[in-house]
Amino acid sequence: MRVKSFGKIAVPTPGTLVRLTTDTALRVARLRFAVVIGETGRVFVGVAGMNKANGTGVIKEFWPTGAGGGVADQIDIAAIDKRHLLVPADYYIDANTANEGLIASYWSW
């Protein structure tokens, strides 16, 4: 497998979901979302229609490391097998602080 990074996916306006990618044809074996060290607000990853206020569609809420750094929170989501690959375009990011977000990467065969 090989790994690639989408880089930091920033949320310009809190409450406005940012799609991980617009490439609906991309299929991957694994996705990783990680907080950006030094950012100060909570960030969320989920599916279409995610609502961070009530948790609907939220897969994970990430706690920030803050200005002093700290242990970076992350989540890996893996496909069951090669016939059931993940579609990165199905995932969205939201944040409580403008221009903060997550680092996202993926593995493919």
PDB file of N, CA and C in Angstrom:
ATOM      1  N   MET A   1       0.851  -1.190   0.000  1.00  0.00           N
ATOM      2  CA  MET A   1       0.000   0.000   0.000  1.00  0.00           C
ATOM      3  C   MET A   1       0.887   1.241   0.000  1.00  0.00           C
ATOM      4  N   ARG A   2       0.316   2.322  -0.464  1.00  0.00           N
ATOM      5  CA  ARG A   2       1.036   3.595  -0.457  1.00  0.00           C
ATOM      6  C   ARG A   2       0.188   4.627   0.279  1.00  0.00           C
ATOM      7  N   VAL A   3       0.860   5.598   0.859  1.00  0.00           N
ATOM      8  CA  VAL A   3       0.167   6.630   1.627  1.00  0.00           C
ATOM      9  C   VAL A   3       0.273   7.969   0.900  1.00  0.00           C
ATOM     10  N   LYS A   4      -0.791   8.744   0.982  1.00  0.00           N
ATOM     11  CA  LYS A   4      -0.820  10.108   0.457  1.00  0.00           C
ATOM     12  C   LYS A   4      -1.525  10.976   1.484  1.00  0.00           C
ATOM     13  N   SER A   5      -1.252  12.271   1.427  1.00  0.00           N
ATOM     14  CA  SER A   5      -1.861  13.201   2.367  1.00  0.00           C
ATOM     15  C   SER A   5      -2.690  14.250   1.637  1.00  0.00           C
ATOM     16  N   PHE A   6      -3.857  14.540   2.198  1.00  0.00           N
ATOM     17  CA  PHE A   6      -4.649  15.671   1.719  1.00  0.00           C
ATOM     18  C   PHE A   6      -4.097  16.964   2.324  1.00  0.00           C
ATOM     19  N   GLY A   7      -3.241  16.839   3.341  1.00  0.00           N
ATOM     20  CA  GLY A   7      -2.736  17.995   4.062  1.00  0.00           C
ATOM     21  C   GLY A   7      -3.760  18.449   5.098  1.00  0.00           C
ATOM     22  N   LYS A   8      -3.623  19.692   5.517  1.00  0.00           N
ATOM     23  CA  LYS A   8      -4.568  20.242   6.482  1.00  0.00           C
ATOM     24  C   LYS A   8      -5.852  20.637   5.752  1.00  0.00           C
ATOM     25  N   ILE A   9      -6.963  20.139   6.252  1.00  0.00           N
ATOM     26  CA  ILE A   9      -8.274  20.516   5.750  1.00  0.00           C
ATOM     27  C   ILE A   9      -8.836  21.518   6.751  1.00  0.00           C
ATOM     28  N   ALA A  10      -8.811  22.800   6.391  1.00  0.00           N
ATOM     29  CA  ALA A  10      -9.249  23.871   7.295  1.00  0.00           C
ATOM     30  C   ALA A  10     -10.723  24.191   7.075  1.00  0.00           C
ATOM     31  N   VAL A  11     -11.359  24.629   8.150  1.00  0.00           N
ATOM     32  CA  VAL A  11     -12.768  25.047   8.115  1.00  0.00           C
ATOM     33  C   VAL A  11     -12.795  26.567   8.221  1.00  0.00           C
ATOM     34  N   PRO A  12     -13.041  27.276   7.113  1.00  0.00           N
ATOM     35  CA  PRO A  12     -13.036  28.743   7.154  1.00  0.00           C
ATOM     36  C   PRO A  12     -14.128  29.325   8.051  1.00  0.00           C
ATOM     37  N   THR A  13     -15.309  28.702   8.036  1.00  0.00           N
ATOM     38  CA  THR A  13     -16.438  29.203   8.818  1.00  0.00           C
ATOM     39  C   THR A  13     -16.999  28.091   9.687  1.00  0.00           C
ATOM     40  N   PRO A  14     -16.838  28.167  11.012  1.00  0.00           N
ATOM     41  CA  PRO A  14     -17.385  27.134  11.885  1.00  0.00           C
ATOM     42  C   PRO A  14     -18.873  26.921  11.615  1.00  0.00           C
ATOM     43  N   GLY A  15     -19.268  25.652  11.592  1.00  0.00           N
ATOM     44  CA  GLY A  15     -20.658  25.305  11.327  1.00  0.00           C
ATOM     45  C   GLY A  15     -20.942  25.038   9.866  1.00  0.00           C
ATOM     46  N   THR A  16     -19.977  25.363   8.997  1.00  0.00           N
ATOM     47  CA  THR A  16     -20.107  25.071   7.567  1.00  0.00           C
ATOM     48  C   THR A  16     -19.197  23.890   7.255  1.00  0.00           C
ATOM     49  N   LEU A  17     -19.786  22.737   6.960  1.00  0.00           N
ATOM     50  CA  LEU A  17     -19.014  21.520   6.735  1.00  0.00           C
ATOM     51  C   LEU A  17     -18.090  21.659   5.530  1.00  0.00           C
ATOM     52  N   VAL A  18     -16.887  21.098   5.674  1.00  0.00           N
ATOM     53  CA  VAL A  18     -15.915  21.065   4.586  1.00  0.00           C
ATOM     54  C   VAL A  18     -15.724  19.605   4.190  1.00  0.00           C
ATOM     55  N   ARG A  19     -16.011  19.314   2.925  1.00  0.00           N
ATOM     56  CA  ARG A  19     -15.869  17.956   2.419  1.00  0.00           C
ATOM     57  C   ARG A  19     -14.390  17.617   2.302  1.00  0.00           C
ATOM     58  N   LEU A  20     -14.036  16.395   2.672  1.00  0.00           N
ATOM     59  CA  LEU A  20     -12.638  15.979   2.618  1.00  0.00           C
ATOM     60  C   LEU A  20     -12.070  16.119   1.208  1.00  0.00           C
ATOM     61  N   THR A  21     -12.834  15.725   0.195  1.00  0.00           N
ATOM     62  CA  THR A  21     -12.426  15.866  -1.198  1.00  0.00           C
ATOM     63  C   THR A  21     -13.673  15.877  -2.072  1.00  0.00           C
ATOM     64  N   THR A  22     -13.565  16.467  -3.230  1.00  0.00           N
ATOM     65  CA  THR A  22     -14.681  16.441  -4.181  1.00  0.00           C
ATOM     66  C   THR A  22     -14.542  15.285  -5.164  1.00  0.00           C
ATOM     67  N   ASP A  23     -13.460  14.534  -5.071  1.00  0.00           N
ATOM     68  CA  ASP A  23     -13.215  13.399  -5.964  1.00  0.00           C
ATOM     69  C   ASP A  23     -14.037  12.197  -5.507  1.00  0.00           C
ATOM     70  N   THR A  24     -15.229  12.049  -6.077  1.00  0.00           N
ATOM     71  CA  THR A  24     -16.132  10.961  -5.665  1.00  0.00           C
ATOM     72  C   THR A  24     -15.715   9.604  -6.223  1.00  0.00           C
ATOM     73  N   ALA A  25     -14.745   9.567  -7.125  1.00  0.00           N
ATOM     74  CA  ALA A  25     -14.267   8.302  -7.683  1.00  0.00           C
ATOM     75  C   ALA A  25     -13.137   7.685  -6.848  1.00  0.00           C
ATOM     76  N   LEU A  26     -12.518   8.472  -5.977  1.00  0.00           N
ATOM     77  CA  LEU A  26     -11.392   7.987  -5.175  1.00  0.00           C
ATOM     78  C   LEU A  26     -11.866   6.945  -4.166  1.00  0.00           C
ATOM     79  N   ARG A  27     -11.184   5.799  -4.128  1.00  0.00           N
ATOM     80  CA  ARG A  27     -11.461   4.725  -3.176  1.00  0.00           C
ATOM     81  C   ARG A  27     -10.161   4.414  -2.446  1.00  0.00           C
ATOM     82  N   VAL A  28     -10.237   4.237  -1.118  1.00  0.00           N
ATOM     83  CA  VAL A  28      -9.028   4.037  -0.322  1.00  0.00           C
ATOM     84  C   VAL A  28      -9.220   2.912   0.684  1.00  0.00           C
ATOM     85  N   ALA A  29      -8.102   2.377   1.149  1.00  0.00           N
ATOM     86  CA  ALA A  29      -8.123   1.296   2.130  1.00  0.00           C
ATOM     87  C   ALA A  29      -8.242   1.812   3.558  1.00  0.00           C
ATOM     88  N   ARG A  30      -7.661   2.981   3.797  1.00  0.00           N
ATOM     89  CA  ARG A  30      -7.659   3.525   5.162  1.00  0.00           C
ATOM     90  C   ARG A  30      -7.569   5.032   5.109  1.00  0.00           C
ATOM     91  N   LEU A  31      -8.228   5.675   6.072  1.00  0.00           N
ATOM     92  CA  LEU A  31      -8.173   7.121   6.262  1.00  0.00           C
ATOM     93  C   LEU A  31      -7.640   7.406   7.656  1.00  0.00           C
ATOM     94  N   ARG A  32      -6.849   8.458   7.787  1.00  0.00           N
ATOM     95  CA  ARG A  32      -6.400   8.917   9.105  1.00  0.00           C
ATOM     96  C   ARG A  32      -6.685  10.407   9.217  1.00  0.00           C
ATOM     97  N   PHE A  33      -7.290  10.786  10.337  1.00  0.00           N
ATOM     98  CA  PHE A  33      -7.544  12.186  10.661  1.00  0.00           C
ATOM     99  C   PHE A  33      -6.806  12.481  11.956  1.00  0.00           C
ATOM    100  N   ALA A  34      -6.049  13.582  11.988  1.00  0.00           N
ATOM    101  CA  ALA A  34      -5.287  13.946  13.184  1.00  0.00           C
ATOM    102  C   ALA A  34      -5.383  15.449  13.419  1.00  0.00           C
ATOM    103  N   VAL A  35      -5.344  15.839  14.692  1.00  0.00           N
ATOM    104  CA  VAL A  35      -5.387  17.264  15.020  1.00  0.00           C
ATOM    105  C   VAL A  35      -4.090  17.938  14.601  1.00  0.00           C
ATOM    106  N   VAL A  36      -4.167  19.231  14.428  1.00  0.00           N
ATOM    107  CA  VAL A  36      -2.996  20.037  14.099  1.00  0.00           C
ATOM    108  C   VAL A  36      -2.439  20.568  15.418  1.00  0.00           C
ATOM    109  N   ILE A  37      -1.195  20.238  15.705  1.00  0.00           N
ATOM    110  CA  ILE A  37      -0.567  20.659  16.963  1.00  0.00           C
ATOM    111  C   ILE A  37      -0.588  22.184  17.055  1.00  0.00           C
ATOM    112  N   GLY A  38      -1.016  22.684  18.209  1.00  0.00           N
ATOM    113  CA  GLY A  38      -1.009  24.116  18.468  1.00  0.00           C
ATOM    114  C   GLY A  38      -2.350  24.800  18.247  1.00  0.00           C
ATOM    115  N   GLU A  39      -3.290  24.109  17.583  1.00  0.00           N
ATOM    116  CA  GLU A  39      -4.601  24.735  17.393  1.00  0.00           C
ATOM    117  C   GLU A  39      -5.411  24.614  18.687  1.00  0.00           C
ATOM    118  N   THR A  40      -6.379  25.506  18.864  1.00  0.00           N
ATOM    119  CA  THR A  40      -6.994  25.672  20.180  1.00  0.00           C
ATOM    120  C   THR A  40      -8.471  25.291  20.287  1.00  0.00           C
ATOM    121  N   GLY A  41      -9.123  25.005  19.168  1.00  0.00           N
ATOM    122  CA  GLY A  41     -10.549  24.675  19.209  1.00  0.00           C
ATOM    123  C   GLY A  41     -10.813  23.215  18.915  1.00  0.00           C
ATOM    124  N   ARG A  42     -11.990  22.749  19.309  1.00  0.00           N
ATOM    125  CA  ARG A  42     -12.378  21.375  19.005  1.00  0.00           C
ATOM    126  C   ARG A  42     -12.711  21.250  17.521  1.00  0.00           C
ATOM    127  N   VAL A  43     -12.412  20.084  16.946  1.00  0.00           N
ATOM    128  CA  VAL A  43     -12.662  19.807  15.539  1.00  0.00           C
ATOM    129  C   VAL A  43     -13.404  18.477  15.461  1.00  0.00           C
ATOM    130  N   PHE A  44     -14.202  18.313  14.404  1.00  0.00           N
ATOM    131  CA  PHE A  44     -15.076  17.149  14.276  1.00  0.00           C
ATOM    132  C   PHE A  44     -14.933  16.538  12.890  1.00  0.00           C
ATOM    133  N   VAL A  45     -15.021  15.214  12.810  1.00  0.00           N
ATOM    134  CA  VAL A  45     -15.103  14.523  11.528  1.00  0.00           C
ATOM    135  C   VAL A  45     -16.384  13.703  11.546  1.00  0.00           C
ATOM    136  N   GLY A  46     -17.074  13.690  10.395  1.00  0.00           N
ATOM    137  CA  GLY A  46     -18.323  12.948  10.321  1.00  0.00           C
ATOM    138  C   GLY A  46     -18.772  12.774   8.890  1.00  0.00           C
ATOM    139  N   VAL A  47     -20.044  12.513   8.743  1.00  0.00           N
ATOM    140  CA  VAL A  47     -20.636  12.263   7.432  1.00  0.00           C
ATOM    141  C   VAL A  47     -21.562  13.415   7.051  1.00  0.00           C
ATOM    142  N   ALA A  48     -22.091  13.370   5.838  1.00  0.00           N
ATOM    143  CA  ALA A  48     -22.985  14.424   5.351  1.00  0.00           C
ATOM    144  C   ALA A  48     -24.106  14.675   6.350  1.00  0.00           C
ATOM    145  N   GLY A  49     -24.424  15.935   6.568  1.00  0.00           N
ATOM    146  CA  GLY A  49     -25.469  16.300   7.516  1.00  0.00           C
ATOM    147  C   GLY A  49     -25.000  16.332   8.958  1.00  0.00           C
ATOM    148  N   MET A  50     -23.703  16.165   9.197  1.00  0.00           N
ATOM    149  CA  MET A  50     -23.164  16.175  10.556  1.00  0.00           C
ATOM    150  C   MET A  50     -23.586  17.443  11.289  1.00  0.00           C
ATOM    151  N   ASN A  51     -23.957  17.281  12.553  1.00  0.00           N
ATOM    152  CA  ASN A  51     -24.335  18.402  13.407  1.00  0.00           C
ATOM    153  C   ASN A  51     -23.554  18.265  14.700  1.00  0.00           C
ATOM    154  N   LYS A  52     -22.517  19.084  14.855  1.00  0.00           N
ATOM    155  CA  LYS A  52     -21.660  18.977  16.039  1.00  0.00           C
ATOM    156  C   LYS A  52     -22.384  19.343  17.327  1.00  0.00           C
ATOM    157  N   ALA A  53     -23.452  20.142  17.231  1.00  0.00           N
ATOM    158  CA  ALA A  53     -24.192  20.562  18.431  1.00  0.00           C
ATOM    159  C   ALA A  53     -24.920  19.398  19.097  1.00  0.00           C
ATOM    160  N   ASN A  54     -25.497  18.499  18.286  1.00  0.00           N
ATOM    161  CA  ASN A  54     -26.237  17.373  18.890  1.00  0.00           C
ATOM    162  C   ASN A  54     -25.593  16.021  18.621  1.00  0.00           C
ATOM    163  N   GLY A  55     -24.486  16.012  17.885  1.00  0.00           N
ATOM    164  CA  GLY A  55     -23.741  14.778  17.646  1.00  0.00           C
ATOM    165  C   GLY A  55     -24.202  13.955  16.461  1.00  0.00           C
ATOM    166  N   THR A  56     -25.271  14.358  15.790  1.00  0.00           N
ATOM    167  CA  THR A  56     -25.761  13.603  14.648  1.00  0.00           C
ATOM    168  C   THR A  56     -24.709  13.569  13.552  1.00  0.00           C
ATOM    169  N   GLY A  57     -24.365  12.384  13.077  1.00  0.00           N
ATOM    170  CA  GLY A  57     -23.401  12.231  11.995  1.00  0.00           C
ATOM    171  C   GLY A  57     -21.951  12.420  12.388  1.00  0.00           C
ATOM    172  N   VAL A  58     -21.668  12.706  13.660  1.00  0.00           N
ATOM    173  CA  VAL A  58     -20.287  12.884  14.118  1.00  0.00           C
ATOM    174  C   VAL A  58     -19.658  11.512  14.349  1.00  0.00           C
ATOM    175  N   ILE A  59     -18.496  11.291  13.753  1.00  0.00           N
ATOM    176  CA  ILE A  59     -17.743  10.063  13.983  1.00  0.00           C
ATOM    177  C   ILE A  59     -16.785  10.251  15.152  1.00  0.00           C
ATOM    178  N   LYS A  60     -16.142  11.411  15.189  1.00  0.00           N
ATOM    179  CA  LYS A  60     -15.187  11.692  16.269  1.00  0.00           C
ATOM    180  C   LYS A  60     -15.087  13.179  16.521  1.00  0.00           C
ATOM    181  N   GLU A  61     -14.990  13.527  17.782  1.00  0.00           N
ATOM    182  CA  GLU A  61     -14.700  14.896  18.211  1.00  0.00           C
ATOM    183  C   GLU A  61     -13.253  14.911  18.696  1.00  0.00           C
ATOM    184  N   PHE A  62     -12.468  15.825  18.153  1.00  0.00           N
ATOM    185  CA  PHE A  62     -11.048  15.904  18.498  1.00  0.00           C
ATOM    186  C   PHE A  62     -10.811  17.021  19.489  1.00  0.00           C
ATOM    187  N   TRP A  63     -10.055  16.708  20.514  1.00  0.00           N
ATOM    188  CA  TRP A  63      -9.689  17.696  21.522  1.00  0.00           C
ATOM    189  C   TRP A  63      -8.404  18.372  21.075  1.00  0.00           C
ATOM    190  N   PRO A  64      -8.305  19.706  21.173  1.00  0.00           N
ATOM    191  CA  PRO A  64      -7.116  20.417  20.687  1.00  0.00           C
ATOM    192  C   PRO A  64      -5.902  20.204  21.585  1.00  0.00           C
ATOM    193  N   THR A  65      -4.721  20.408  21.012  1.00  0.00           N
ATOM    194  CA  THR A  65      -3.492  20.328  21.810  1.00  0.00           C
ATOM    195  C   THR A  65      -3.205  21.650  22.483  1.00  0.00           C
ATOM    196  N   GLY A  66      -3.704  22.752  21.923  1.00  0.00           N
ATOM    197  CA  GLY A  66      -3.464  24.070  22.500  1.00  0.00           C
ATOM    198  C   GLY A  66      -2.115  24.628  22.112  1.00  0.00           C
ATOM    199  N   ALA A  67      -1.895  25.857  22.492  1.00  0.00           N
ATOM    200  CA  ALA A  67      -0.679  26.570  22.114  1.00  0.00           C
ATOM    201  C   ALA A  67       0.580  25.909  22.662  1.00  0.00           C
ATOM    202  N   GLY A  68       0.460  25.200  23.786  1.00  0.00           N
ATOM    203  CA  GLY A  68       1.624  24.564  24.392  1.00  0.00           C
ATOM    204  C   GLY A  68       1.949  23.203  23.827  1.00  0.00           C
ATOM    205  N   GLY A  69       1.164  22.742  22.837  1.00  0.00           N
ATOM    206  CA  GLY A  69       1.384  21.412  22.271  1.00  0.00           C
ATOM    207  C   GLY A  69       0.718  20.351  23.126  1.00  0.00           C
ATOM    208  N   GLY A  70       1.115  19.132  22.963  1.00  0.00           N
ATOM    209  CA  GLY A  70       0.534  18.031  23.703  1.00  0.00           C
ATOM    210  C   GLY A  70       0.391  16.820  22.806  1.00  0.00           C
ATOM    211  N   VAL A  71      -0.303  15.814  23.304  1.00  0.00           N
ATOM    212  CA  VAL A  71      -0.500  14.590  22.553  1.00  0.00           C
ATOM    213  C   VAL A  71      -1.567  14.823  21.487  1.00  0.00           C
ATOM    214  N   ALA A  72      -1.240  14.555  20.237  1.00  0.00           N
ATOM    215  CA  ALA A  72      -2.167  14.779  19.134  1.00  0.00           C
ATOM    216  C   ALA A  72      -3.177  13.637  19.054  1.00  0.00           C
ATOM    217  N   ASP A  73      -4.448  13.978  19.056  1.00  0.00           N
ATOM    218  CA  ASP A  73      -5.541  13.025  18.922  1.00  0.00           C
ATOM    219  C   ASP A  73      -5.679  12.632  17.455  1.00  0.00           C
ATOM    220  N   GLN A  74      -6.050  11.380  17.203  1.00  0.00           N
ATOM    221  CA  GLN A  74      -6.236  10.930  15.831  1.00  0.00           C
ATOM    222  C   GLN A  74      -7.212   9.766  15.787  1.00  0.00           C
ATOM    223  N   ILE A  75      -7.686   9.459  14.573  1.00  0.00           N
ATOM    224  CA  ILE A  75      -8.515   8.280  14.351  1.00  0.00           C
ATOM    225  C   ILE A  75      -8.158   7.707  12.988  1.00  0.00           C
ATOM    226  N   ASP A  76      -8.109   6.373  12.921  1.00  0.00           N
ATOM    227  CA  ASP A  76      -7.952   5.665  11.655  1.00  0.00           C
ATOM    228  C   ASP A  76      -9.256   4.951  11.362  1.00  0.00           C
ATOM    229  N   ILE A  77      -9.696   5.023  10.110  1.00  0.00           N
ATOM    230  CA  ILE A  77     -10.883   4.314   9.658  1.00  0.00           C
ATOM    231  C   ILE A  77     -10.417   3.408   8.524  1.00  0.00           C
ATOM    232  N   ALA A  78     -10.662   2.101   8.637  1.00  0.00           N
ATOM    233  CA  ALA A  78     -10.153   1.149   7.664  1.00  0.00           C
ATOM    234  C   ALA A  78     -11.278   0.412   6.949  1.00  0.00           C
ATOM    235  N   ALA A  79     -11.015   0.096   5.692  1.00  0.00           N
ATOM    236  CA  ALA A  79     -11.946  -0.709   4.907  1.00  0.00           C
ATOM    237  C   ALA A  79     -11.905  -2.153   5.400  1.00  0.00           C
ATOM    238  N   ILE A  80     -12.993  -2.853   5.211  1.00  0.00           N
ATOM    239  CA  ILE A  80     -13.076  -4.256   5.615  1.00  0.00           C
ATOM    240  C   ILE A  80     -12.168  -5.117   4.739  1.00  0.00           C
ATOM    241  N   ASP A  81     -12.210  -4.863   3.432  1.00  0.00           N
ATOM    242  CA  ASP A  81     -11.389  -5.594   2.468  1.00  0.00           C
ATOM    243  C   ASP A  81     -11.327  -4.796   1.171  1.00  0.00           C
ATOM    244  N   LYS A  82     -10.666  -5.343   0.163  1.00  0.00           N
ATOM    245  CA  LYS A  82     -10.478  -4.621  -1.097  1.00  0.00           C
ATOM    246  C   LYS A  82     -11.777  -4.421  -1.878  1.00  0.00           C
ATOM    247  N   ARG A  83     -12.813  -5.181  -1.561  1.00  0.00           N
ATOM    248  CA  ARG A  83     -14.091  -5.027  -2.255  1.00  0.00           C
ATOM    249  C   ARG A  83     -14.973  -3.958  -1.626  1.00  0.00           C
ATOM    250  N   HIS A  84     -14.637  -3.527  -0.418  1.00  0.00           N
ATOM    251  CA  HIS A  84     -15.451  -2.547   0.322  1.00  0.00           C
ATOM    252  C   HIS A  84     -14.593  -1.359   0.742  1.00  0.00           C
ATOM    253  N   LEU A  85     -14.022  -0.679  -0.231  1.00  0.00           N
ATOM    254  CA  LEU A  85     -13.120   0.432   0.052  1.00  0.00           C
ATOM    255  C   LEU A  85     -13.890   1.669   0.530  1.00  0.00           C
ATOM    256  N   LEU A  86     -13.176   2.558   1.205  1.00  0.00           N
ATOM    257  CA  LEU A  86     -13.755   3.803   1.708  1.00  0.00           C
ATOM    258  C   LEU A  86     -13.782   4.862   0.608  1.00  0.00           C
ATOM    259  N   VAL A  87     -14.769   5.737   0.684  1.00  0.00           N
ATOM    260  CA  VAL A  87     -14.899   6.853  -0.249  1.00  0.00           C
ATOM    261  C   VAL A  87     -14.613   8.129   0.546  1.00  0.00           C
ATOM    262  N   PRO A  88     -13.424   8.719   0.401  1.00  0.00           N
ATOM    263  CA  PRO A  88     -13.092   9.914   1.175  1.00  0.00           C
ATOM    264  C   PRO A  88     -14.095  11.057   1.012  1.00  0.00           C
ATOM    265  N   ALA A  89     -14.731  11.161  -0.150  1.00  0.00           N
ATOM    266  CA  ALA A  89     -15.706  12.233  -0.382  1.00  0.00           C
ATOM    267  C   ALA A  89     -16.936  12.108   0.513  1.00  0.00           C
ATOM    268  N   ASP A  90     -17.092  10.982   1.187  1.00  0.00           N
ATOM    269  CA  ASP A  90     -18.217  10.776   2.106  1.00  0.00           C
ATOM    270  C   ASP A  90     -17.970  11.379   3.488  1.00  0.00           C
ATOM    271  N   TYR A  91     -16.777  11.933   3.726  1.00  0.00           N
ATOM    272  CA  TYR A  91     -16.405  12.441   5.047  1.00  0.00           C
ATOM    273  C   TYR A  91     -16.297  13.963   5.039  1.00  0.00           C
ATOM    274  N   TYR A  92     -16.676  14.569   6.160  1.00  0.00           N
ATOM    275  CA  TYR A  92     -16.717  16.023   6.304  1.00  0.00           C
ATOM    276  C   TYR A  92     -16.043  16.437   7.601  1.00  0.00           C
ATOM    277  N   ILE A  93     -15.567  17.679   7.620  1.00  0.00           N
ATOM    278  CA  ILE A  93     -14.896  18.238   8.798  1.00  0.00           C
ATOM    279  C   ILE A  93     -15.599  19.530   9.192  1.00  0.00           C
ATOM    280  N   ASP A  94     -15.720  19.737  10.501  1.00  0.00           N
ATOM    281  CA  ASP A  94     -16.240  20.991  11.050  1.00  0.00           C
ATOM    282  C   ASP A  94     -15.336  21.369  12.212  1.00  0.00           C
ATOM    283  N   ALA A  95     -15.338  22.618  12.591  1.00  0.00           N
ATOM    284  CA  ALA A  95     -14.478  23.106  13.674  1.00  0.00           C
ATOM    285  C   ALA A  95     -15.202  24.187  14.457  1.00  0.00           C
ATOM    286  N   ASN A  96     -14.783  24.385  15.685  1.00  0.00           N
ATOM    287  CA  ASN A  96     -15.346  25.455  16.512  1.00  0.00           C
ATOM    288  C   ASN A  96     -14.625  26.781  16.312  1.00  0.00           C
ATOM    289  N   THR A  97     -13.424  26.736  15.719  1.00  0.00           N
ATOM    290  CA  THR A  97     -12.614  27.939  15.522  1.00  0.00           C
ATOM    291  C   THR A  97     -12.298  28.094  14.036  1.00  0.00           C
ATOM    292  N   ALA A  98     -12.539  29.282  13.494  1.00  0.00           N
ATOM    293  CA  ALA A  98     -12.302  29.534  12.076  1.00  0.00           C
ATOM    294  C   ALA A  98     -10.863  29.219  11.678  1.00  0.00           C
ATOM    295  N   ASN A  99     -10.718  28.597  10.510  1.00  0.00           N
ATOM    296  CA  ASN A  99      -9.445  28.257   9.887  1.00  0.00           C
ATOM    297  C   ASN A  99      -8.666  27.158  10.596  1.00  0.00           C
ATOM    298  N   GLU A 100      -9.279  26.502  11.557  1.00  0.00           N
ATOM    299  CA  GLU A 100      -8.654  25.322  12.148  1.00  0.00           C
ATOM    300  C   GLU A 100      -9.229  24.093  11.448  1.00  0.00           C
ATOM    301  N   GLY A 101      -8.599  22.954  11.639  1.00  0.00           N
ATOM    302  CA  GLY A 101      -9.064  21.755  10.957  1.00  0.00           C
ATOM    303  C   GLY A 101      -8.289  20.526  11.355  1.00  0.00           C
ATOM    304  N   LEU A 102      -8.181  19.593  10.422  1.00  0.00           N
ATOM    305  CA  LEU A 102      -7.512  18.324  10.658  1.00  0.00           C
ATOM    306  C   LEU A 102      -6.519  18.039   9.539  1.00  0.00           C
ATOM    307  N   ILE A 103      -5.499  17.252   9.859  1.00  0.00           N
ATOM    308  CA  ILE A 103      -4.609  16.716   8.841  1.00  0.00           C
ATOM    309  C   ILE A 103      -5.216  15.373   8.431  1.00  0.00           C
ATOM    310  N   ALA A 104      -5.405  15.177   7.135  1.00  0.00           N
ATOM    311  CA  ALA A 104      -6.022  13.949   6.642  1.00  0.00           C
ATOM    312  C   ALA A 104      -5.094  13.254   5.656  1.00  0.00           C
ATOM    313  N   SER A 105      -4.979  11.941   5.803  1.00  0.00           N
ATOM    314  CA  SER A 105      -4.172  11.148   4.877  1.00  0.00           C
ATOM    315  C   SER A 105      -4.888   9.848   4.575  1.00  0.00           C
ATOM    316  N   TYR A 106      -4.435   9.167   3.526  1.00  0.00           N
ATOM    317  CA  TYR A 106      -5.082   7.911   3.150  1.00  0.00           C
ATOM    318  C   TYR A 106      -4.072   6.921   2.573  1.00  0.00           C
ATOM    319  N   TRP A 107      -4.457   5.643   2.643  1.00  0.00           N
ATOM    320  CA  TRP A 107      -3.667   4.559   2.096  1.00  0.00           C
ATOM    321  C   TRP A 107      -4.472   3.904   0.983  1.00  0.00           C
ATOM    322  N   SER A 108      -3.786   3.554  -0.111  1.00  0.00           N
ATOM    323  CA  SER A 108      -4.450   2.850  -1.204  1.00  0.00           C
ATOM    324  C   SER A 108      -3.523   1.775  -1.744  1.00  0.00           C
ATOM    325  N   TRP A 109      -4.109   0.820  -2.475  1.00  0.00           N
ATOM    326  CA  TRP A 109      -3.316  -0.254  -3.074  1.00  0.00           C
ATOM    327  C   TRP A 109      -2.788   0.185  -4.412  1.00  0.00           C
TER     328      TRP A 109
END
